[in-house]
Amino acid sequence: PDAPTVRGVKHLNELAMLSKEGCECYIAFVIQMNGIKEVKPNIDTHREFGEALDKAVKAGVKVLYLQCDVKEDELNIM
């Protein structure tokens, strides 16, 4: 995220807990720009989100990076 997200941290912590309980959990990042080669949390803006993402991944949460084709009136996941 490009701005702090307390709700995002809450959701990641919940996903980590559910994953530890045996649920199959995912988080998806929708990439709406061409040419993006890497996605990382912005720890300078919100360190807690990065820490919660690391914790979730270690708990078994799977991360999806969804590249999209963006047009004026539509967005298609590729």
C-alpha atoms as a PDB file:
ATOM      1  CA  PRO A   1       0.000   0.000   0.000  1.00  0.00           C
ATOM      2  CA  ASP A   2       1.072   3.575  -0.632  1.00  0.00           C
ATOM      3  CA  ALA A   3      -0.516   4.752   2.633  1.00  0.00           C
ATOM      4  CA  PRO A   4      -0.792   3.268   6.123  1.00  0.00           C
ATOM      5  CA  THR A   5      -3.575   0.713   6.435  1.00  0.00           C
ATOM      6  CA  VAL A   6      -4.577  -0.309   9.929  1.00  0.00           C
ATOM      7  CA  ARG A   7      -7.369  -2.397   8.412  1.00  0.00           C
ATOM      8  CA  GLY A   8      -4.856  -4.165   6.150  1.00  0.00           C
ATOM      9  CA  VAL A   9      -2.729  -5.120   9.157  1.00  0.00           C
ATOM     10  CA  LYS A  10      -5.838  -6.418  10.930  1.00  0.00           C
ATOM     11  CA  HIS A  11      -6.783  -8.561   7.930  1.00  0.00           C
ATOM     12  CA  LEU A  12      -3.255  -9.960   7.588  1.00  0.00           C
ATOM     13  CA  ASN A  13      -3.199 -10.895  11.267  1.00  0.00           C
ATOM     14  CA  GLU A  14      -6.579 -12.619  10.884  1.00  0.00           C
ATOM     15  CA  LEU A  15      -5.377 -14.516   7.807  1.00  0.00           C
ATOM     16  CA  ALA A  16      -2.250 -15.635   9.689  1.00  0.00           C
ATOM     17  CA  MET A  17      -4.384 -16.925  12.557  1.00  0.00           C
ATOM     18  CA  LEU A  18      -6.758 -18.772  10.209  1.00  0.00           C
ATOM     19  CA  SER A  19      -3.844 -20.263   8.285  1.00  0.00           C
ATOM     20  CA  LYS A  20      -2.334 -21.599  11.512  1.00  0.00           C
ATOM     21  CA  GLU A  21      -5.727 -23.202  12.231  1.00  0.00           C
ATOM     22  CA  GLY A  22      -5.538 -25.064   8.929  1.00  0.00           C
ATOM     23  CA  CYS A  23      -7.486 -22.799   6.572  1.00  0.00           C
ATOM     24  CA  GLU A  24      -6.105 -22.132   3.104  1.00  0.00           C
ATOM     25  CA  CYS A  25      -5.614 -18.359   2.979  1.00  0.00           C
ATOM     26  CA  TYR A  26      -4.545 -15.919   0.280  1.00  0.00           C
ATOM     27  CA  ILE A  27      -3.838 -12.224  -0.084  1.00  0.00           C
ATOM     28  CA  ALA A  28      -3.919 -10.717  -3.577  1.00  0.00           C
ATOM     29  CA  PHE A  29      -2.165  -7.585  -4.758  1.00  0.00           C
ATOM     30  CA  VAL A  30      -3.722  -6.141  -7.916  1.00  0.00           C
ATOM     31  CA  ILE A  31      -1.025  -4.566 -10.111  1.00  0.00           C
ATOM     32  CA  GLN A  32      -2.543  -1.903 -12.330  1.00  0.00           C
ATOM     33  CA  MET A  33       0.627  -0.680 -14.060  1.00  0.00           C
ATOM     34  CA  ASN A  34       2.679  -2.246 -16.837  1.00  0.00           C
ATOM     35  CA  GLY A  35       6.330  -3.100 -16.312  1.00  0.00           C
ATOM     36  CA  ILE A  36       6.130  -3.901 -12.603  1.00  0.00           C
ATOM     37  CA  LYS A  37       8.738  -6.551 -11.818  1.00  0.00           C
ATOM     38  CA  GLU A  38       8.601  -6.645  -8.024  1.00  0.00           C
ATOM     39  CA  VAL A  39       6.067  -5.841  -5.313  1.00  0.00           C
ATOM     40  CA  LYS A  40       7.168  -5.168  -1.742  1.00  0.00           C
ATOM     41  CA  PRO A  41       5.478  -3.491   1.221  1.00  0.00           C
ATOM     42  CA  ASN A  42       6.416   0.137   1.739  1.00  0.00           C
ATOM     43  CA  ILE A  43       7.963  -0.199   5.183  1.00  0.00           C
ATOM     44  CA  ASP A  44       8.992   3.464   5.175  1.00  0.00           C
ATOM     45  CA  THR A  45       5.317   4.434   5.065  1.00  0.00           C
ATOM     46  CA  HIS A  46       3.904   1.629   7.245  1.00  0.00           C
ATOM     47  CA  ARG A  47       6.364  -0.764   8.846  1.00  0.00           C
ATOM     48  CA  GLU A  48       3.564  -2.654  10.645  1.00  0.00           C
ATOM     49  CA  PHE A  49       2.050  -3.742   7.323  1.00  0.00           C
ATOM     50  CA  GLY A  50       5.362  -5.225   6.199  1.00  0.00           C
ATOM     51  CA  GLU A  51       5.774  -7.030   9.503  1.00  0.00           C
ATOM     52  CA  ALA A  52       2.194  -8.367   9.352  1.00  0.00           C
ATOM     53  CA  LEU A  53       2.753  -9.564   5.765  1.00  0.00           C
ATOM     54  CA  ASP A  54       5.936 -11.412   6.789  1.00  0.00           C
ATOM     55  CA  LYS A  55       4.109 -12.985   9.732  1.00  0.00           C
ATOM     56  CA  ALA A  56       1.214 -14.051   7.493  1.00  0.00           C
ATOM     57  CA  VAL A  57       3.522 -15.630   4.903  1.00  0.00           C
ATOM     58  CA  LYS A  58       5.390 -17.511   7.638  1.00  0.00           C
ATOM     59  CA  ALA A  59       2.012 -18.761   8.914  1.00  0.00           C
ATOM     60  CA  GLY A  60       1.237 -20.158   5.463  1.00  0.00           C
ATOM     61  CA  VAL A  61      -0.763 -17.381   3.802  1.00  0.00           C
ATOM     62  CA  LYS A  62      -0.156 -17.465   0.051  1.00  0.00           C
ATOM     63  CA  VAL A  63       0.494 -14.202  -1.799  1.00  0.00           C
ATOM     64  CA  LEU A  64      -0.894 -13.597  -5.287  1.00  0.00           C
ATOM     65  CA  TYR A  65       0.339 -10.814  -7.563  1.00  0.00           C
ATOM     66  CA  LEU A  66      -2.320 -10.167 -10.189  1.00  0.00           C
ATOM     67  CA  GLN A  67      -1.089  -8.254 -13.229  1.00  0.00           C
ATOM     68  CA  CYS A  68      -3.927  -6.407 -14.952  1.00  0.00           C
ATOM     69  CA  ASP A  69      -4.660  -4.897 -18.313  1.00  0.00           C
ATOM     70  CA  VAL A  70      -6.196  -1.507 -17.531  1.00  0.00           C
ATOM     71  CA  LYS A  71      -8.347   0.370 -20.031  1.00  0.00           C
ATOM     72  CA  GLU A  72     -10.476   3.465 -19.638  1.00  0.00           C
ATOM     73  CA  ASP A  73     -13.599   1.552 -18.582  1.00  0.00           C
ATOM     74  CA  GLU A  74     -12.320  -1.870 -17.644  1.00  0.00           C
ATOM     75  CA  LEU A  75      -9.725  -3.831 -15.743  1.00  0.00           C
ATOM     76  CA  ASN A  76      -8.872  -7.396 -16.740  1.00  0.00           C
ATOM     77  CA  ILE A  77      -6.706  -9.726 -14.704  1.00  0.00           C
ATOM     78  CA  MET A  78      -4.176 -11.360 -17.013  1.00  0.00           C
END
